[in-house]
Amino acid sequence: MGLDVSGRYRYPAPDAAWLALHQEDVIAPEQPIIDPHHHLWEEGGHPYLLDELAGDVGDGHNVVATVFVQAHYGYRADGPAHLAPVGETEKVAAMAHAAHARGMACDVAAGIVAYADLQLGDALDEVLAAHQAAADGRLRGIRHSVSRDELFPDGIVLRPSPAGMLADPAYRAGLARCQAHGLSYDAMLYHRQIPELTALARAMPELPIVLDHVGCIIGVGPYEGREAENLAEWTRSMRDLAGCDNVRVKVGGFGMIITGARWHERAVPPSSQELAHAWRPYVETCIDLFGADRCMFESNFPVDKAMVSYRALWNAFKRIASGASEDEQAALFWRTAADAYRLPVPALRGAPAHG
């Protein structure tokens, strides 16, 4: 697996022709799904906007709603710099309204997790209020990534974070402001940073926290070929984190290239059976530690679309969860997401799961 010209691991663009080489039927098409993590953007000449998302959520699974997570898209080009990210919320809210106008069955971006610089101090309240206004009732959380790893001094992503942000008093003050505004915190970090998140969760037990991508287990560079060791370290950290009742976990993100995923190098895409086999140890560990009511399956599209189709991804999760009870399946596929992001889905309350 190579490095791009910037010296950082980057995900490849989705290849629709390659993804079409593998086809499979939808498993349990009646199962309601809330996809709690996707992006909308124009990245490297490869847009993933409403048309592309509509094609995925409309491909056979019963996706009733989604949650958009910030992706540095559509920032305002003028005005105060600290308000520039509000442009992303404005554009996503517009796409949500466009989806409704089209008559889409899926409530696109029913929840929005926006970006704000949590170290802004007093100015953060202005940013949060602007996001609230732009989101038209859809703002649910804030994500300000703290992703970094000491074995990658230049970072793995385009915007590596400074060390120790989760313990920084200014950052925590920003999180307190989010909590006061009724917003949750999406934590984007790498697996060796999970203990830092545990310390934060213990220090701020009333702050609702959602851990993205099971804590993003790195599987490239110095971590490549150390799967058993990485899994053991991650499991120990997740066990400690599970003791914090204010933390929920997004189960997914296994298609990110930094995790060591290399499905895109094959002649044909992986089947849902292959994916279920590869992902099961991580999924089952999360459910064992946190319980289904604190775990939610996610797509992380279009990032994971480089490795797997939307249909096969959700089929894989359905295969893994096939032995769970109806109540547990309901939690994993929609209820935990609805609770975490306060989504109005009264029609689903009490609806049976299918598996």
Protein backbone atom coordinates (compact mmCIF):
# COMPACT_ATOMS: atom_id res chain seq x y z
CA MET A 1 0.00 0.00 0.00
CA GLY A 2 1.57 3.23 -1.09
CA LEU A 3 1.77 6.82 -0.03
CA ASP A 4 0.45 9.68 -2.09
CA VAL A 5 2.55 12.69 -3.08
CA SER A 6 1.76 14.45 0.20
CA GLY A 7 3.32 11.57 2.15
CA ARG A 8 0.08 10.60 3.86
CA TYR A 9 -2.15 7.56 3.52
CA ARG A 10 -5.24 8.50 1.57
CA TYR A 11 -8.28 6.53 0.52
CA PRO A 12 -8.76 5.82 -3.19
CA ALA A 13 -11.79 7.13 -5.05
CA PRO A 14 -14.75 4.76 -5.48
CA ASP A 15 -14.79 2.90 -8.80
CA ALA A 16 -18.39 2.27 -9.85
CA ALA A 17 -17.39 -0.10 -12.66
CA TRP A 18 -15.33 -2.23 -10.28
CA LEU A 19 -18.06 -2.30 -7.64
CA ALA A 20 -20.54 -3.51 -10.28
CA LEU A 21 -18.45 -6.64 -10.84
CA HIS A 22 -19.98 -8.21 -7.73
CA GLN A 23 -23.74 -8.41 -7.27
CA GLU A 24 -25.77 -10.00 -4.51
CA ASP A 25 -29.35 -9.90 -3.31
CA VAL A 26 -30.38 -7.69 -0.41
CA ILE A 27 -30.68 -9.57 2.87
CA ALA A 28 -33.75 -8.78 5.02
CA PRO A 29 -34.89 -5.82 2.90
CA GLU A 30 -37.58 -4.91 5.45
CA GLN A 31 -35.05 -4.17 8.22
CA PRO A 32 -35.19 -0.43 9.03
CA ILE A 33 -31.78 1.25 8.96
CA ILE A 34 -30.57 4.62 10.12
CA ASP A 35 -27.15 5.26 8.63
CA PRO A 36 -25.51 7.42 11.31
CA HIS A 37 -22.34 8.35 9.46
CA HIS A 38 -21.88 9.52 5.89
CA HIS A 39 -20.36 12.50 4.14
CA LEU A 40 -21.39 14.76 1.28
CA TRP A 41 -18.62 16.43 -0.65
CA GLU A 42 -16.73 17.06 -3.86
CA GLU A 43 -13.36 15.43 -3.22
CA GLY A 44 -10.62 15.21 -5.81
CA GLY A 45 -13.01 15.56 -8.70
CA HIS A 46 -15.24 12.78 -7.37
CA PRO A 47 -18.48 14.26 -6.03
CA TYR A 48 -20.58 12.42 -3.50
CA LEU A 49 -23.62 14.62 -3.22
CA LEU A 50 -27.37 14.02 -3.16
CA ASP A 51 -27.55 12.07 -6.43
CA GLU A 52 -24.79 9.68 -5.39
CA LEU A 53 -26.18 9.20 -1.89
CA ALA A 54 -29.68 8.64 -3.27
CA GLY A 55 -28.34 5.89 -5.50
CA ASP A 56 -26.81 4.11 -2.51
CA VAL A 57 -29.61 4.44 0.05
CA GLY A 58 -32.11 3.49 -2.65
CA ASP A 59 -30.28 0.30 -3.66
CA GLY A 60 -32.54 -2.13 -1.82
CA HIS A 61 -31.95 -1.69 1.90
CA ASN A 62 -34.64 0.05 3.95
CA VAL A 63 -32.65 3.16 4.89
CA VAL A 64 -35.14 5.44 6.59
CA ALA A 65 -32.78 8.24 7.67
CA THR A 66 -29.15 9.29 7.68
CA VAL A 67 -26.80 11.43 9.74
CA PHE A 68 -24.33 13.66 7.91
CA VAL A 69 -20.91 14.13 9.52
CA GLN A 70 -18.68 17.09 8.75
CA ALA A 71 -16.22 16.69 5.91
CA HIS A 72 -14.74 20.17 5.28
CA TYR A 73 -17.14 20.67 2.36
CA GLY A 74 -18.68 23.88 1.10
CA TYR A 75 -17.18 26.31 3.58
CA ARG A 76 -18.07 29.96 3.19
CA ALA A 77 -15.55 31.78 1.03
CA ASP A 78 -16.05 35.16 2.70
CA GLY A 79 -16.96 36.58 6.08
CA PRO A 80 -15.37 35.78 9.45
CA ALA A 81 -13.08 32.75 9.32
CA HIS A 82 -14.57 31.12 12.40
CA LEU A 83 -17.97 31.05 10.69
CA ALA A 84 -16.69 29.53 7.44
CA PRO A 85 -17.72 25.95 8.43
CA VAL A 86 -21.34 27.09 8.66
CA GLY A 87 -21.35 27.04 4.86
CA GLU A 88 -21.16 23.24 5.02
CA THR A 89 -24.24 23.05 7.23
CA GLU A 90 -26.09 25.40 4.89
CA LYS A 91 -25.35 23.23 1.86
CA VAL A 92 -26.20 19.97 3.60
CA ALA A 93 -29.48 21.37 4.90
CA ALA A 94 -30.31 22.46 1.36
CA MET A 95 -29.66 18.91 0.10
CA ALA A 96 -31.87 17.54 2.87
CA HIS A 97 -34.70 19.77 1.71
CA ALA A 98 -34.06 18.80 -1.91
CA ALA A 99 -34.31 15.12 -0.97
CA HIS A 100 -37.67 15.77 0.66
CA ALA A 101 -38.86 17.70 -2.39
CA ARG A 102 -37.94 14.71 -4.56
CA GLY A 103 -40.13 12.51 -2.41
CA MET A 104 -37.26 10.32 -1.21
CA ALA A 105 -38.33 7.75 1.34
CA CYS A 106 -35.08 8.31 3.25
CA ASP A 107 -34.81 11.38 5.48
CA VAL A 108 -31.41 12.53 4.25
CA ALA A 109 -29.29 14.29 6.88
CA ALA A 110 -32.03 13.97 9.48
CA GLY A 111 -29.17 14.78 11.82
CA ILE A 112 -26.13 16.96 11.09
CA VAL A 113 -22.82 16.72 12.93
CA ALA A 114 -21.01 19.94 12.08
CA TYR A 115 -17.48 21.22 12.58
CA ALA A 116 -16.58 23.99 14.99
CA ASP A 117 -13.21 24.87 16.46
CA LEU A 118 -13.73 23.85 20.08
CA GLN A 119 -10.82 26.01 21.21
CA LEU A 120 -12.42 29.29 20.10
CA GLY A 121 -13.47 30.37 23.55
CA ASP A 122 -16.38 32.81 23.75
CA ALA A 123 -16.69 32.96 19.95
CA LEU A 124 -17.76 29.30 19.90
CA ASP A 125 -21.26 30.22 21.05
CA GLU A 126 -21.68 32.36 17.94
CA VAL A 127 -20.57 29.48 15.71
CA LEU A 128 -22.90 26.99 17.37
CA ALA A 129 -25.83 29.39 17.09
CA ALA A 130 -25.04 29.94 13.39
CA HIS A 131 -24.93 26.18 12.79
CA GLN A 132 -28.25 25.80 14.59
CA ALA A 133 -29.85 28.43 12.39
CA ALA A 134 -28.41 27.03 9.18
CA ALA A 135 -29.34 23.43 10.02
CA ASP A 136 -33.05 24.24 10.29
CA GLY A 137 -33.59 21.93 13.25
CA ARG A 138 -31.20 19.20 12.12
CA LEU A 139 -28.05 20.04 14.11
CA ARG A 140 -27.26 17.26 16.56
CA GLY A 141 -23.55 17.31 17.28
CA ILE A 142 -20.07 18.69 16.72
CA ARG A 143 -16.92 16.96 15.51
CA HIS A 144 -13.48 18.51 15.88
CA SER A 145 -11.03 15.71 15.08
CA VAL A 146 -8.12 14.97 17.40
CA SER A 147 -6.64 12.25 15.15
CA ARG A 148 -2.92 11.76 15.41
CA ASP A 149 -0.43 8.96 16.07
CA GLU A 150 3.08 9.31 17.45
CA LEU A 151 4.49 6.73 15.04
CA PHE A 152 3.34 8.94 12.15
CA PRO A 153 4.90 12.30 13.01
CA ASP A 154 3.55 13.90 9.84
CA GLY A 155 0.08 12.54 10.43
CA ILE A 156 -1.93 9.98 8.48
CA VAL A 157 -4.68 12.35 7.43
CA LEU A 158 -4.51 15.71 5.71
CA ARG A 159 -5.11 17.61 8.94
CA PRO A 160 -3.26 15.91 11.83
CA SER A 161 -4.14 17.33 15.22
CA PRO A 162 -1.81 18.58 17.93
CA ALA A 163 -1.06 16.18 20.77
CA GLY A 164 -3.14 16.11 23.94
CA MET A 165 -6.18 17.99 22.69
CA LEU A 166 -8.69 15.88 24.63
CA ALA A 167 -7.04 16.98 27.89
CA ASP A 168 -6.62 20.62 26.85
CA PRO A 169 -8.67 22.94 29.11
CA ALA A 170 -9.73 25.11 26.17
CA TYR A 171 -10.93 22.08 24.20
CA ARG A 172 -12.87 20.76 27.19
CA ALA A 173 -14.38 24.19 27.74
CA GLY A 174 -15.58 24.04 24.15
CA LEU A 175 -17.12 20.63 24.77
CA ALA A 176 -18.92 22.08 27.80
CA ARG A 177 -20.37 24.77 25.55
CA CYS A 178 -21.57 22.09 23.13
CA GLN A 179 -23.21 20.25 26.00
CA ALA A 180 -24.92 23.46 27.11
CA HIS A 181 -26.33 23.84 23.59
CA GLY A 182 -27.76 20.32 23.75
CA LEU A 183 -25.24 18.87 21.32
CA SER A 184 -23.31 15.62 21.40
CA TYR A 185 -19.63 15.13 20.58
CA ASP A 186 -18.38 12.88 17.78
CA ALA A 187 -14.86 11.70 18.63
CA MET A 188 -12.58 11.07 15.65
CA LEU A 189 -9.24 9.61 16.73
CA TYR A 190 -6.98 6.55 16.33
CA HIS A 191 -6.94 3.47 18.49
CA ARG A 192 -3.95 4.39 20.64
CA GLN A 193 -5.80 7.58 21.65
CA ILE A 194 -8.79 5.73 23.12
CA PRO A 195 -7.41 5.98 26.68
CA GLU A 196 -7.38 9.76 26.25
CA LEU A 197 -11.07 9.63 25.34
CA THR A 198 -11.76 7.46 28.38
CA ALA A 199 -10.18 10.10 30.60
CA LEU A 200 -12.34 12.77 28.96
CA ALA A 201 -15.51 10.70 29.32
CA ARG A 202 -14.80 10.19 33.02
CA ALA A 203 -14.09 13.88 33.55
CA MET A 204 -17.27 14.95 31.70
CA PRO A 205 -19.79 12.19 32.47
CA GLU A 206 -22.80 14.23 31.32
CA LEU A 207 -21.37 14.89 27.84
CA PRO A 208 -22.90 12.55 25.22
CA ILE A 209 -19.98 11.07 23.25
CA VAL A 210 -20.05 9.03 20.05
CA LEU A 211 -16.83 7.24 19.12
CA ASP A 212 -16.42 7.14 15.34
CA HIS A 213 -15.28 3.99 13.48
CA VAL A 214 -14.72 1.86 16.63
CA GLY A 215 -11.74 4.07 17.41
CA CYS A 216 -10.08 3.56 14.02
CA ILE A 217 -7.57 0.73 14.42
CA ILE A 218 -4.51 1.61 12.33
CA GLY A 219 -3.27 -1.23 10.16
CA VAL A 220 -0.69 0.43 7.93
CA GLY A 221 2.92 1.53 8.26
CA PRO A 222 4.44 0.31 11.53
CA TYR A 223 1.13 -1.36 12.46
CA GLU A 224 0.92 -3.53 9.34
CA GLY A 225 1.21 -7.25 10.03
CA ARG A 226 0.46 -6.75 13.75
CA GLU A 227 -3.27 -7.52 13.59
CA ALA A 228 -3.38 -9.72 16.71
CA GLU A 229 -1.36 -7.23 18.76
CA ASN A 230 -3.44 -4.29 17.53
CA LEU A 231 -6.68 -6.14 18.28
CA ALA A 232 -5.52 -6.99 21.81
CA GLU A 233 -4.47 -3.41 22.58
CA TRP A 234 -7.68 -2.01 21.12
CA THR A 235 -9.80 -4.48 23.10
CA ARG A 236 -8.13 -3.49 26.37
CA SER A 237 -8.73 0.19 25.67
CA MET A 238 -12.33 -0.38 24.60
CA ARG A 239 -13.03 -2.39 27.75
CA ASP A 240 -12.02 0.61 29.86
CA LEU A 241 -14.01 3.00 27.68
CA ALA A 242 -17.11 0.81 27.95
CA GLY A 243 -17.21 1.64 31.64
CA CYS A 244 -18.25 5.19 30.66
CA ASP A 245 -22.02 5.16 30.26
CA ASN A 246 -21.99 8.40 28.26
CA VAL A 247 -20.16 6.80 25.31
CA ARG A 248 -21.74 5.11 22.30
CA VAL A 249 -19.82 3.50 19.43
CA LYS A 250 -20.22 3.69 15.67
CA VAL A 251 -19.43 0.21 14.38
CA GLY A 252 -17.92 0.52 10.92
CA GLY A 253 -15.23 2.38 9.04
CA PHE A 254 -13.51 -0.91 8.28
CA GLY A 255 -13.04 0.12 4.66
CA MET A 256 -10.71 3.01 5.43
CA ILE A 257 -7.32 2.41 3.88
CA ILE A 258 -5.53 3.39 7.10
CA THR A 259 -7.09 0.36 8.80
CA GLY A 260 -5.17 -1.85 6.39
CA ALA A 261 -8.11 -2.57 4.09
CA ARG A 262 -6.93 -3.63 0.63
CA TRP A 263 -10.09 -4.98 -0.96
CA HIS A 264 -9.75 -2.42 -3.75
CA GLU A 265 -6.62 -4.19 -5.04
CA ARG A 266 -8.57 -7.32 -5.94
CA ALA A 267 -9.97 -8.14 -9.35
CA VAL A 268 -13.51 -8.19 -7.93
CA PRO A 269 -15.05 -6.57 -4.85
CA PRO A 270 -15.57 -8.56 -1.65
CA SER A 271 -18.81 -10.37 -0.94
CA SER A 272 -20.79 -9.71 2.22
CA GLN A 273 -19.74 -13.16 3.46
CA GLU A 274 -16.07 -12.19 3.19
CA LEU A 275 -16.69 -8.86 4.87
CA ALA A 276 -18.65 -10.44 7.70
CA HIS A 277 -15.82 -12.89 8.33
CA ALA A 278 -13.22 -10.10 8.41
CA TRP A 279 -15.24 -7.67 10.53
CA ARG A 280 -16.88 -10.07 12.99
CA PRO A 281 -14.14 -10.00 15.70
CA TYR A 282 -14.33 -6.22 15.97
CA VAL A 283 -18.12 -6.00 15.74
CA GLU A 284 -18.74 -8.73 18.29
CA THR A 285 -16.17 -7.26 20.68
CA CYS A 286 -17.93 -3.88 20.57
CA ILE A 287 -21.33 -5.44 21.19
CA ASP A 288 -19.99 -7.65 24.00
CA LEU A 289 -18.37 -4.67 25.73
CA PHE A 290 -20.90 -1.88 25.15
CA GLY A 291 -24.13 -3.78 24.50
CA ALA A 292 -26.32 -3.37 21.43
CA ASP A 293 -28.02 -0.30 22.93
CA ARG A 294 -24.73 1.59 22.77
CA CYS A 295 -23.60 0.36 19.33
CA MET A 296 -24.77 1.50 15.89
CA PHE A 297 -23.77 0.20 12.47
CA GLU A 298 -22.50 2.90 10.07
CA SER A 299 -21.59 3.09 6.38
CA ASN A 300 -18.88 5.79 6.45
CA PHE A 301 -19.68 6.43 2.79
CA PRO A 302 -18.23 7.41 0.43
CA VAL A 303 -14.91 6.65 2.15
CA ASP A 304 -15.67 2.94 2.54
CA LYS A 305 -17.17 2.87 -0.96
CA ALA A 306 -13.63 2.51 -2.27
CA MET A 307 -13.71 -1.04 -0.88
CA VAL A 308 -17.34 -2.18 -0.83
CA SER A 309 -20.77 -1.40 -2.22
CA TYR A 310 -23.52 -0.04 0.01
CA ARG A 311 -25.55 -3.19 -0.54
CA ALA A 312 -22.75 -5.58 0.42
CA LEU A 313 -21.76 -3.45 3.44
CA TRP A 314 -25.21 -3.61 5.03
CA ASN A 315 -25.58 -7.27 4.04
CA ALA A 316 -22.37 -7.96 5.95
CA PHE A 317 -23.71 -6.28 9.07
CA LYS A 318 -26.94 -8.24 8.72
CA ARG A 319 -24.98 -11.48 8.50
CA ILE A 320 -23.00 -10.65 11.63
CA ALA A 321 -26.15 -9.68 13.54
CA SER A 322 -28.25 -12.60 12.33
CA GLY A 323 -27.95 -14.41 15.67
CA ALA A 324 -28.95 -11.39 17.73
CA SER A 325 -32.44 -10.93 19.14
CA GLU A 326 -34.97 -8.73 17.37
CA ASP A 327 -34.51 -6.06 20.02
CA GLU A 328 -30.73 -6.15 19.65
CA GLN A 329 -31.00 -5.90 15.87
CA ALA A 330 -33.32 -2.93 16.20
CA ALA A 331 -30.74 -1.21 18.39
CA LEU A 332 -27.83 -1.94 16.09
CA PHE A 333 -29.55 -0.92 12.86
CA TRP A 334 -31.57 2.12 13.93
CA ARG A 335 -32.52 2.65 17.57
CA THR A 336 -29.10 3.49 19.02
CA ALA A 337 -28.56 6.00 16.22
CA ALA A 338 -32.00 7.50 16.78
CA ASP A 339 -31.34 7.83 20.50
CA ALA A 340 -27.80 9.18 20.10
CA TYR A 341 -28.85 11.85 17.63
CA ARG A 342 -32.36 12.52 18.95
CA LEU A 343 -33.97 11.70 15.62
CA PRO A 344 -37.76 11.91 15.22
CA VAL A 345 -38.64 8.39 14.09
CA PRO A 346 -41.91 7.65 15.91
CA ALA A 347 -43.03 5.22 13.19
CA LEU A 348 -40.11 2.93 14.08
CA ARG A 349 -40.65 2.87 17.84
CA GLY A 350 -41.77 -0.63 18.60
CA ALA A 351 -41.34 -1.78 14.98
CA PRO A 352 -40.09 -5.37 14.80
CA ALA A 353 -36.63 -6.08 13.43
CA HIS A 354 -36.16 -8.58 10.66
CA GLY A 355 -33.14 -10.81 10.38
